[in-house]
């Protein structure tokens, strides 16, 4: 629930800022900013609660702790990729 709240609040703030700066709302940019912040927010959980997240994975998954850390780094890379114009589509696996 918290990531959804972060996503919505950041989107609304970014929409207001883009409107204030450009005299029109840039929903595309606002959405990418909101998604990036939300991904950074959720990636913190991967590093702060690594042990707990690893316990959620089934026994068939090898190297659970490393998988949790890897997905945290992937979320950070995707957040950065959403903000770089030449790599916008890459995080979406387009």
PDB file of N, CA and C in Angstrom:
ATOM      1  N   UNK A   1       0.818  -1.196   0.000  1.00  0.00           N
ATOM      2  CA  UNK A   1       0.000   0.000   0.000  1.00  0.00           C
ATOM      3  C   UNK A   1       0.864   1.263   0.000  1.00  0.00           C
ATOM      4  N   UNK A   2       1.992   1.199   0.739  1.00  0.00           N
ATOM      5  CA  UNK A   2       2.859   2.373   0.814  1.00  0.00           C
ATOM      6  C   UNK A   2       3.429   2.768  -0.551  1.00  0.00           C
ATOM      7  N   UNK A   3       3.892   1.798  -1.365  1.00  0.00           N
ATOM      8  CA  UNK A   3       4.394   2.195  -2.691  1.00  0.00           C
ATOM      9  C   UNK A   3       3.328   2.889  -3.541  1.00  0.00           C
ATOM     10  N   UNK A   4       2.075   2.456  -3.419  1.00  0.00           N
ATOM     11  CA  UNK A   4       1.000   3.095  -4.174  1.00  0.00           C
ATOM     12  C   UNK A   4       0.800   4.538  -3.723  1.00  0.00           C
ATOM     13  N   UNK A   5       0.844   4.761  -2.421  1.00  0.00           N
ATOM     14  CA  UNK A   5       0.702   6.118  -1.898  1.00  0.00           C
ATOM     15  C   UNK A   5       1.854   6.992  -2.383  1.00  0.00           C
ATOM     16  N   UNK A   6       3.074   6.466  -2.327  1.00  0.00           N
ATOM     17  CA  UNK A   6       4.244   7.205  -2.816  1.00  0.00           C
ATOM     18  C   UNK A   6       4.057   7.546  -4.289  1.00  0.00           C
ATOM     19  N   UNK A   7       3.625   6.578  -5.082  1.00  0.00           N
ATOM     20  CA  UNK A   7       3.431   6.780  -6.521  1.00  0.00           C
ATOM     21  C   UNK A   7       2.419   7.895  -6.791  1.00  0.00           C
ATOM     22  N   UNK A   8       1.289   7.852  -6.126  1.00  0.00           N
ATOM     23  CA  UNK A   8       0.227   8.843  -6.357  1.00  0.00           C
ATOM     24  C   UNK A   8       0.646  10.230  -5.880  1.00  0.00           C
ATOM     25  N   UNK A   9       1.206  10.310  -4.681  1.00  0.00           N
ATOM     26  CA  UNK A   9       1.606  11.615  -4.127  1.00  0.00           C
ATOM     27  C   UNK A   9       2.690  12.256  -4.989  1.00  0.00           C
ATOM     28  N   UNK A  10       3.706  11.484  -5.370  1.00  0.00           N
ATOM     29  CA  UNK A  10       4.787  12.037  -6.203  1.00  0.00           C
ATOM     30  C   UNK A  10       4.255  12.436  -7.571  1.00  0.00           C
ATOM     31  N   UNK A  11       3.334  11.657  -8.127  1.00  0.00           N
ATOM     32  CA  UNK A  11       2.748  12.019  -9.416  1.00  0.00           C
ATOM     33  C   UNK A  11       2.021  13.352  -9.337  1.00  0.00           C
ATOM     34  N   UNK A  12       1.235  13.537  -8.292  1.00  0.00           N
ATOM     35  CA  UNK A  12       0.499  14.792  -8.129  1.00  0.00           C
ATOM     36  C   UNK A  12       1.449  15.973  -7.937  1.00  0.00           C
ATOM     37  N   UNK A  13       2.482  15.786  -7.147  1.00  0.00           N
ATOM     38  CA  UNK A  13       3.463  16.850  -6.943  1.00  0.00           C
ATOM     39  C   UNK A  13       4.192  17.165  -8.241  1.00  0.00           C
ATOM     40  N   UNK A  14       4.648  16.126  -8.941  1.00  0.00           N
ATOM     41  CA  UNK A  14       5.363  16.338 -10.203  1.00  0.00           C
ATOM     42  C   UNK A  14       4.463  16.997 -11.244  1.00  0.00           C
ATOM     43  N   UNK A  15       3.195  16.626 -11.272  1.00  0.00           N
ATOM     44  CA  UNK A  15       2.257  17.259 -12.204  1.00  0.00           C
ATOM     45  C   UNK A  15       2.111  18.743 -11.903  1.00  0.00           C
ATOM     46  N   UNK A  16       2.023  19.090 -10.620  1.00  0.00           N
ATOM     47  CA  UNK A  16       1.927  20.492 -10.230  1.00  0.00           C
ATOM     48  C   UNK A  16       3.182  21.271 -10.580  1.00  0.00           C
ATOM     49  N   UNK A  17       4.339  20.664 -10.373  1.00  0.00           N
ATOM     50  CA  UNK A  17       5.603  21.334 -10.677  1.00  0.00           C
ATOM     51  C   UNK A  17       5.758  21.532 -12.186  1.00  0.00           C
ATOM     52  N   UNK A  18       5.422  20.501 -12.974  1.00  0.00           N
ATOM     53  CA  UNK A  18       5.539  20.662 -14.427  1.00  0.00           C
ATOM     54  C   UNK A  18       4.560  21.703 -14.945  1.00  0.00           C
ATOM     55  N   UNK A  19       3.383  21.772 -14.350  1.00  0.00           N
ATOM     56  CA  UNK A  19       2.421  22.795 -14.759  1.00  0.00           C
ATOM     57  C   UNK A  19       2.942  24.192 -14.419  1.00  0.00           C
ATOM     58  N   UNK A  20       3.498  24.318 -13.230  1.00  0.00           N
ATOM     59  CA  UNK A  20       4.032  25.613 -12.788  1.00  0.00           C
ATOM     60  C   UNK A  20       5.191  26.062 -13.681  1.00  0.00           C
ATOM     61  N   UNK A  21       6.039  25.117 -14.106  1.00  0.00           N
ATOM     62  CA  UNK A  21       7.228  25.473 -14.891  1.00  0.00           C
ATOM     63  C   UNK A  21       6.942  25.628 -16.380  1.00  0.00           C
ATOM     64  N   UNK A  22       6.006  24.843 -16.927  1.00  0.00           N
ATOM     65  CA  UNK A  22       5.768  24.827 -18.365  1.00  0.00           C
ATOM     66  C   UNK A  22       4.394  25.379 -18.759  1.00  0.00           C
ATOM     67  N   UNK A  23       3.592  25.766 -17.809  1.00  0.00           N
ATOM     68  CA  UNK A  23       2.222  26.239 -18.038  1.00  0.00           C
ATOM     69  C   UNK A  23       1.324  25.179 -18.679  1.00  0.00           C
ATOM     70  N   UNK A  24       1.749  23.938 -18.626  1.00  0.00           N
ATOM     71  CA  UNK A  24       0.915  22.794 -19.011  1.00  0.00           C
ATOM     72  C   UNK A  24       1.460  21.568 -18.288  1.00  0.00           C
ATOM     73  N   UNK A  25       0.589  20.651 -17.993  1.00  0.00           N
ATOM     74  CA  UNK A  25       0.996  19.462 -17.258  1.00  0.00           C
ATOM     75  C   UNK A  25       1.591  18.440 -18.213  1.00  0.00           C
ATOM     76  N   UNK A  26       2.772  17.969 -17.878  1.00  0.00           N
ATOM     77  CA  UNK A  26       3.444  16.929 -18.660  1.00  0.00           C
ATOM     78  C   UNK A  26       3.226  15.604 -17.924  1.00  0.00           C
ATOM     79  N   UNK A  27       2.151  14.900 -18.280  1.00  0.00           N
ATOM     80  CA  UNK A  27       1.805  13.667 -17.589  1.00  0.00           C
ATOM     81  C   UNK A  27       2.847  12.576 -17.812  1.00  0.00           C
ATOM     82  N   UNK A  28       3.464  12.540 -18.988  1.00  0.00           N
ATOM     83  CA  UNK A  28       4.477  11.541 -19.287  1.00  0.00           C
ATOM     84  C   UNK A  28       5.669  11.693 -18.347  1.00  0.00           C
ATOM     85  N   UNK A  29       6.200  12.895 -18.258  1.00  0.00           N
ATOM     86  CA  UNK A  29       7.333  13.156 -17.376  1.00  0.00           C
ATOM     87  C   UNK A  29       6.944  12.948 -15.913  1.00  0.00           C
ATOM     88  N   UNK A  30       5.774  13.420 -15.529  1.00  0.00           N
ATOM     89  CA  UNK A  30       5.314  13.259 -14.147  1.00  0.00           C
ATOM     90  C   UNK A  30       5.191  11.785 -13.777  1.00  0.00           C
ATOM     91  N   UNK A  31       4.695  10.989 -14.691  1.00  0.00           N
ATOM     92  CA  UNK A  31       4.570   9.551 -14.456  1.00  0.00           C
ATOM     93  C   UNK A  31       5.915   8.865 -14.328  1.00  0.00           C
ATOM     94  N   UNK A  32       6.867   9.259 -15.169  1.00  0.00           N
ATOM     95  CA  UNK A  32       8.208   8.665 -15.093  1.00  0.00           C
ATOM     96  C   UNK A  32       8.909   9.056 -13.801  1.00  0.00           C
ATOM     97  N   UNK A  33       8.740  10.297 -13.372  1.00  0.00           N
ATOM     98  CA  UNK A  33       9.334  10.738 -12.102  1.00  0.00           C
ATOM     99  C   UNK A  33       8.716   9.958 -10.945  1.00  0.00           C
ATOM    100  N   UNK A  34       7.392   9.846 -10.943  1.00  0.00           N
ATOM    101  CA  UNK A  34       6.693   9.125  -9.874  1.00  0.00           C
ATOM    102  C   UNK A  34       7.115   7.658  -9.831  1.00  0.00           C
ATOM    103  N   UNK A  35       7.203   7.022 -10.984  1.00  0.00           N
ATOM    104  CA  UNK A  35       7.605   5.617 -11.035  1.00  0.00           C
ATOM    105  C   UNK A  35       9.043   5.445 -10.561  1.00  0.00           C
ATOM    106  N   UNK A  36       9.910   6.388 -10.929  1.00  0.00           N
ATOM    107  CA  UNK A  36      11.311   6.308 -10.496  1.00  0.00           C
ATOM    108  C   UNK A  36      11.432   6.424  -8.984  1.00  0.00           C
ATOM    109  N   UNK A  37      10.728   7.376  -8.405  1.00  0.00           N
ATOM    110  CA  UNK A  37      10.772   7.551  -6.952  1.00  0.00           C
ATOM    111  C   UNK A  37      10.187   6.334  -6.246  1.00  0.00           C
ATOM    112  N   UNK A  38       9.101   5.798  -6.783  1.00  0.00           N
ATOM    113  CA  UNK A  38       8.496   4.608  -6.188  1.00  0.00           C
ATOM    114  C   UNK A  38       9.459   3.417  -6.255  1.00  0.00           C
ATOM    115  N   UNK A  39      10.158   3.253  -7.385  1.00  0.00           N
ATOM    116  CA  UNK A  39      11.124   2.154  -7.494  1.00  0.00           C
ATOM    117  C   UNK A  39      12.278   2.330  -6.518  1.00  0.00           C
ATOM    118  N   UNK A  40      12.751   3.549  -6.346  1.00  0.00           N
ATOM    119  CA  UNK A  40      13.812   3.804  -5.367  1.00  0.00           C
ATOM    120  C   UNK A  40      13.316   3.519  -3.952  1.00  0.00           C
ATOM    121  N   UNK A  41      12.076   3.903  -3.675  1.00  0.00           N
ATOM    122  CA  UNK A  41      11.465   3.643  -2.366  1.00  0.00           C
ATOM    123  C   UNK A  41      11.395   2.136  -2.088  1.00  0.00           C
ATOM    124  N   UNK A  42      10.950   1.358  -3.069  1.00  0.00           N
ATOM    125  CA  UNK A  42      10.834  -0.084  -2.854  1.00  0.00           C
ATOM    126  C   UNK A  42      12.201  -0.767  -2.821  1.00  0.00           C
ATOM    127  N   UNK A  43      13.174  -0.207  -3.538  1.00  0.00           N
ATOM    128  CA  UNK A  43      14.507  -0.827  -3.522  1.00  0.00           C
ATOM    129  C   UNK A  43      15.152  -0.707  -2.140  1.00  0.00           C
ATOM    130  N   UNK A  44      14.799   0.325  -1.393  1.00  0.00           N
ATOM    131  CA  UNK A  44      15.328   0.470  -0.028  1.00  0.00           C
ATOM    132  C   UNK A  44      14.949  -0.747   0.812  1.00  0.00           C
ATOM    133  N   UNK A  45      13.741  -1.242   0.607  1.00  0.00           N
ATOM    134  CA  UNK A  45      13.291  -2.428   1.329  1.00  0.00           C
ATOM    135  C   UNK A  45      14.131  -3.654   1.043  1.00  0.00           C
ATOM    136  N   UNK A  46      14.628  -3.757  -0.182  1.00  0.00           N
ATOM    137  CA  UNK A  46      15.464  -4.901  -0.554  1.00  0.00           C
ATOM    138  C   UNK A  46      16.773  -4.902   0.227  1.00  0.00           C
ATOM    139  N   UNK A  47      17.275  -3.735   0.568  1.00  0.00           N
ATOM    140  CA  UNK A  47      18.531  -3.644   1.306  1.00  0.00           C
ATOM    141  C   UNK A  47      18.319  -3.613   2.817  1.00  0.00           C
ATOM    142  N   UNK A  48      17.228  -3.015   3.256  1.00  0.00           N
ATOM    143  CA  UNK A  48      16.960  -2.900   4.686  1.00  0.00           C
ATOM    144  C   UNK A  48      16.373  -4.189   5.268  1.00  0.00           C
ATOM    145  N   UNK A  49      15.555  -4.875   4.491  1.00  0.00           N
ATOM    146  CA  UNK A  49      14.875  -6.084   4.966  1.00  0.00           C
ATOM    147  C   UNK A  49      15.258  -7.307   4.134  1.00  0.00           C
ATOM    148  N   UNK A  50      16.533  -7.435   3.819  1.00  0.00           N
ATOM    149  CA  UNK A  50      17.016  -8.525   2.962  1.00  0.00           C
ATOM    150  C   UNK A  50      16.654  -9.892   3.521  1.00  0.00           C
ATOM    151  N   UNK A  51      16.902 -10.084   4.800  1.00  0.00           N
ATOM    152  CA  UNK A  51      16.649 -11.396   5.404  1.00  0.00           C
ATOM    153  C   UNK A  51      15.164 -11.761   5.336  1.00  0.00           C
ATOM    154  N   UNK A  52      14.300 -10.828   5.676  1.00  0.00           N
ATOM    155  CA  UNK A  52      12.861 -11.094   5.641  1.00  0.00           C
ATOM    156  C   UNK A  52      12.356 -11.384   4.243  1.00  0.00           C
ATOM    157  N   UNK A  53      12.857 -10.625   3.253  1.00  0.00           N
ATOM    158  CA  UNK A  53      12.436 -10.871   1.866  1.00  0.00           C
ATOM    159  C   UNK A  53      12.962 -12.211   1.370  1.00  0.00           C
ATOM    160  N   UNK A  54      14.164 -12.577   1.781  1.00  0.00           N
ATOM    161  CA  UNK A  54      14.727 -13.865   1.373  1.00  0.00           C
ATOM    162  C   UNK A  54      13.902 -15.018   1.944  1.00  0.00           C
ATOM    163  N   UNK A  55      13.358 -14.832   3.141  1.00  0.00           N
ATOM    164  CA  UNK A  55      12.535 -15.878   3.757  1.00  0.00           C
ATOM    165  C   UNK A  55      11.218 -16.084   3.010  1.00  0.00           C
ATOM    166  N   UNK A  56      10.781 -15.076   2.234  1.00  0.00           N
ATOM    167  CA  UNK A  56       9.530 -15.195   1.482  1.00  0.00           C
ATOM    168  C   UNK A  56       9.684 -16.043   0.225  1.00  0.00           C
ATOM    169  N   UNK A  57      10.916 -16.214  -0.231  1.00  0.00           N
ATOM    170  CA  UNK A  57      11.151 -16.965  -1.464  1.00  0.00           C
ATOM    171  C   UNK A  57      11.041 -18.463  -1.198  1.00  0.00           C
ATOM    172  N   UNK A  58      10.555 -19.221  -2.183  1.00  0.00           N
ATOM    173  CA  UNK A  58      10.438 -20.668  -1.988  1.00  0.00           C
ATOM    174  C   UNK A  58      11.823 -21.328  -1.899  1.00  0.00           C
ATOM    175  N   UNK A  59      11.843 -22.516  -1.321  1.00  0.00           N
ATOM    176  CA  UNK A  59      13.101 -23.246  -1.145  1.00  0.00           C
ATOM    177  C   UNK A  59      13.788 -23.576  -2.469  1.00  0.00           C
ATOM    178  N   UNK A  60      13.031 -23.623  -3.551  1.00  0.00           N
ATOM    179  CA  UNK A  60      13.614 -23.966  -4.856  1.00  0.00           C
ATOM    180  C   UNK A  60      14.469 -22.846  -5.441  1.00  0.00           C
ATOM    181  N   UNK A  61      14.402 -21.652  -4.864  1.00  0.00           N
ATOM    182  CA  UNK A  61      15.189 -20.515  -5.362  1.00  0.00           C
ATOM    183  C   UNK A  61      16.571 -20.555  -4.709  1.00  0.00           C
ATOM    184  N   UNK A  62      17.615 -20.665  -5.523  1.00  0.00           N
ATOM    185  CA  UNK A  62      18.966 -20.673  -4.941  1.00  0.00           C
ATOM    186  C   UNK A  62      19.436 -19.248  -4.630  1.00  0.00           C
ATOM    187  N   UNK A  63      20.379 -19.130  -3.711  1.00  0.00           N
ATOM    188  CA  UNK A  63      21.002 -17.852  -3.362  1.00  0.00           C
ATOM    189  C   UNK A  63      19.947 -16.772  -3.106  1.00  0.00           C
ATOM    190  N   UNK A  64      19.086 -17.023  -2.167  1.00  0.00           N
ATOM    191  CA  UNK A  64      17.951 -16.132  -1.893  1.00  0.00           C
ATOM    192  C   UNK A  64      18.387 -14.708  -1.550  1.00  0.00           C
ATOM    193  N   UNK A  65      19.356 -14.586  -0.655  1.00  0.00           N
ATOM    194  CA  UNK A  65      19.800 -13.256  -0.242  1.00  0.00           C
ATOM    195  C   UNK A  65      20.363 -12.483  -1.433  1.00  0.00           C
ATOM    196  N   UNK A  66      21.145 -13.161  -2.255  1.00  0.00           N
ATOM    197  CA  UNK A  66      21.735 -12.518  -3.428  1.00  0.00           C
ATOM    198  C   UNK A  66      20.669 -12.122  -4.444  1.00  0.00           C
ATOM    199  N   UNK A  67      19.621 -12.924  -4.552  1.00  0.00           N
ATOM    200  CA  UNK A  67      18.517 -12.602  -5.466  1.00  0.00           C
ATOM    201  C   UNK A  67      17.786 -11.337  -5.001  1.00  0.00           C
ATOM    202  N   UNK A  68      17.566 -11.227  -3.706  1.00  0.00           N
ATOM    203  CA  UNK A  68      16.891 -10.047  -3.163  1.00  0.00           C
ATOM    204  C   UNK A  68      17.745  -8.804  -3.420  1.00  0.00           C
ATOM    205  N   UNK A  69      19.042  -8.906  -3.176  1.00  0.00           N
ATOM    206  CA  UNK A  69      19.934  -7.770  -3.415  1.00  0.00           C
ATOM    207  C   UNK A  69      20.002  -7.427  -4.902  1.00  0.00           C
ATOM    208  N   UNK A  70      20.052  -8.444  -5.754  1.00  0.00           N
ATOM    209  CA  UNK A  70      20.104  -8.218  -7.200  1.00  0.00           C
ATOM    210  C   UNK A  70      18.851  -7.488  -7.677  1.00  0.00           C
ATOM    211  N   UNK A  71      17.691  -7.902  -7.203  1.00  0.00           N
ATOM    212  CA  UNK A  71      16.460  -7.231  -7.633  1.00  0.00           C
ATOM    213  C   UNK A  71      16.400  -5.796  -7.110  1.00  0.00           C
ATOM    214  N   UNK A  72      17.004  -5.542  -5.956  1.00  0.00           N
ATOM    215  CA  UNK A  72      17.097  -4.170  -5.456  1.00  0.00           C
ATOM    216  C   UNK A  72      17.933  -3.305  -6.396  1.00  0.00           C
ATOM    217  N   UNK A  73      19.065  -3.842  -6.854  1.00  0.00           N
ATOM    218  CA  UNK A  73      19.904  -3.105  -7.801  1.00  0.00           C
ATOM    219  C   UNK A  73      19.212  -2.926  -9.155  1.00  0.00           C
ATOM    220  N   UNK A  74      18.450  -3.914  -9.571  1.00  0.00           N
ATOM    221  CA  UNK A  74      17.708  -3.809 -10.830  1.00  0.00           C
ATOM    222  C   UNK A  74      16.657  -2.704 -10.728  1.00  0.00           C
ATOM    223  N   UNK A  75      15.997  -2.606  -9.584  1.00  0.00           N
ATOM    224  CA  UNK A  75      15.010  -1.532  -9.392  1.00  0.00           C
ATOM    225  C   UNK A  75      15.679  -0.158  -9.461  1.00  0.00           C
ATOM    226  N   UNK A  76      16.864  -0.017  -8.888  1.00  0.00           N
ATOM    227  CA  UNK A  76      17.584   1.254  -8.948  1.00  0.00           C
ATOM    228  C   UNK A  76      17.960   1.577 -10.388  1.00  0.00           C
ATOM    229  N   UNK A  77      18.445   0.587 -11.123  1.00  0.00           N
ATOM    230  CA  UNK A  77      18.810   0.799 -12.531  1.00  0.00           C
ATOM    231  C   UNK A  77      17.581   1.192 -13.357  1.00  0.00           C
ATOM    232  N   UNK A  78      16.457   0.554 -13.100  1.00  0.00           N
ATOM    233  CA  UNK A  78      15.223   0.890 -13.830  1.00  0.00           C
ATOM    234  C   UNK A  78      14.761   2.312 -13.499  1.00  0.00           C
ATOM    235  N   UNK A  79      14.891   2.704 -12.237  1.00  0.00           N
ATOM    236  CA  UNK A  79      14.504   4.065 -11.825  1.00  0.00           C
ATOM    237  C   UNK A  79      15.348   5.106 -12.556  1.00  0.00           C
ATOM    238  N   UNK A  80      16.633   4.856 -12.657  1.00  0.00           N
ATOM    239  CA  UNK A  80      17.520   5.776 -13.373  1.00  0.00           C
ATOM    240  C   UNK A  80      17.195   5.765 -14.859  1.00  0.00           C
ATOM    241  N   UNK A  81      16.962   4.583 -15.405  1.00  0.00           N
ATOM    242  CA  UNK A  81      16.657   4.450 -16.832  1.00  0.00           C
ATOM    243  C   UNK A  81      15.397   5.176 -17.252  1.00  0.00           C
ATOM    244  N   UNK A  82      14.420   5.258 -16.362  1.00  0.00           N
ATOM    245  CA  UNK A  82      13.181   5.963 -16.685  1.00  0.00           C
ATOM    246  C   UNK A  82      13.370   7.469 -16.820  1.00  0.00           C
ATOM    247  N   UNK A  83      14.457   7.990 -16.267  1.00  0.00           N
ATOM    248  CA  UNK A  83      14.689   9.432 -16.300  1.00  0.00           C
ATOM    249  C   UNK A  83      15.658   9.872 -17.392  1.00  0.00           C
ATOM    250  N   UNK A  84      16.299   8.931 -18.042  1.00  0.00           N
ATOM    251  CA  UNK A  84      17.238   9.252 -19.127  1.00  0.00           C
ATOM    252  C   UNK A  84      16.490   9.083 -20.452  1.00  0.00           C
ATOM    253  N   UNK A  85      16.359  10.177 -21.233  1.00  0.00           N
ATOM    254  CA  UNK A  85      15.551  10.115 -22.459  1.00  0.00           C
ATOM    255  C   UNK A  85      15.925   8.986 -23.429  1.00  0.00           C
ATOM    256  N   UNK A  86      17.200   8.688 -23.568  1.00  0.00           N
ATOM    257  CA  UNK A  86      17.602   7.656 -24.533  1.00  0.00           C
ATOM    258  C   UNK A  86      17.338   6.240 -24.025  1.00  0.00           C
ATOM    259  N   UNK A  87      17.034   6.083 -22.755  1.00  0.00           N
ATOM    260  CA  UNK A  87      16.809   4.742 -22.205  1.00  0.00           C
ATOM    261  C   UNK A  87      15.410   4.562 -21.615  1.00  0.00           C
ATOM    262  N   UNK A  88      14.497   5.422 -21.953  1.00  0.00           N
ATOM    263  CA  UNK A  88      13.151   5.356 -21.375  1.00  0.00           C
ATOM    264  C   UNK A  88      12.484   4.004 -21.634  1.00  0.00           C
ATOM    265  N   UNK A  89      12.612   3.486 -22.817  1.00  0.00           N
ATOM    266  CA  UNK A  89      11.915   2.242 -23.161  1.00  0.00           C
ATOM    267  C   UNK A  89      12.614   1.006 -22.624  1.00  0.00           C
ATOM    268  N   UNK A  90      13.899   1.075 -22.311  1.00  0.00           N
ATOM    269  CA  UNK A  90      14.645  -0.080 -21.831  1.00  0.00           C
ATOM    270  C   UNK A  90      14.113  -0.617 -20.510  1.00  0.00           C
ATOM    271  N   UNK A  91      13.839   0.209 -19.482  1.00  0.00           N
ATOM    272  CA  UNK A  91      13.293  -0.330 -18.243  1.00  0.00           C
ATOM    273  C   UNK A  91      11.921  -0.984 -18.424  1.00  0.00           C
ATOM    274  N   UNK A  92      11.196  -0.591 -19.444  1.00  0.00           N
ATOM    275  CA  UNK A  92       9.885  -1.182 -19.698  1.00  0.00           C
ATOM    276  C   UNK A  92       9.984  -2.473 -20.489  1.00  0.00           C
ATOM    277  N   UNK A  93      11.211  -2.871 -20.854  1.00  0.00           N
ATOM    278  CA  UNK A  93      11.464  -4.067 -21.659  1.00  0.00           C
ATOM    279  C   UNK A  93      10.657  -4.033 -22.943  1.00  0.00           C
ATOM    280  N   UNK A  94      10.654  -2.863 -23.569  1.00  0.00           N
ATOM    281  CA  UNK A  94       9.892  -2.633 -24.787  1.00  0.00           C
ATOM    282  C   UNK A  94      10.581  -3.237 -25.976  1.00  0.00           C
TER     283      UNK A  94
END
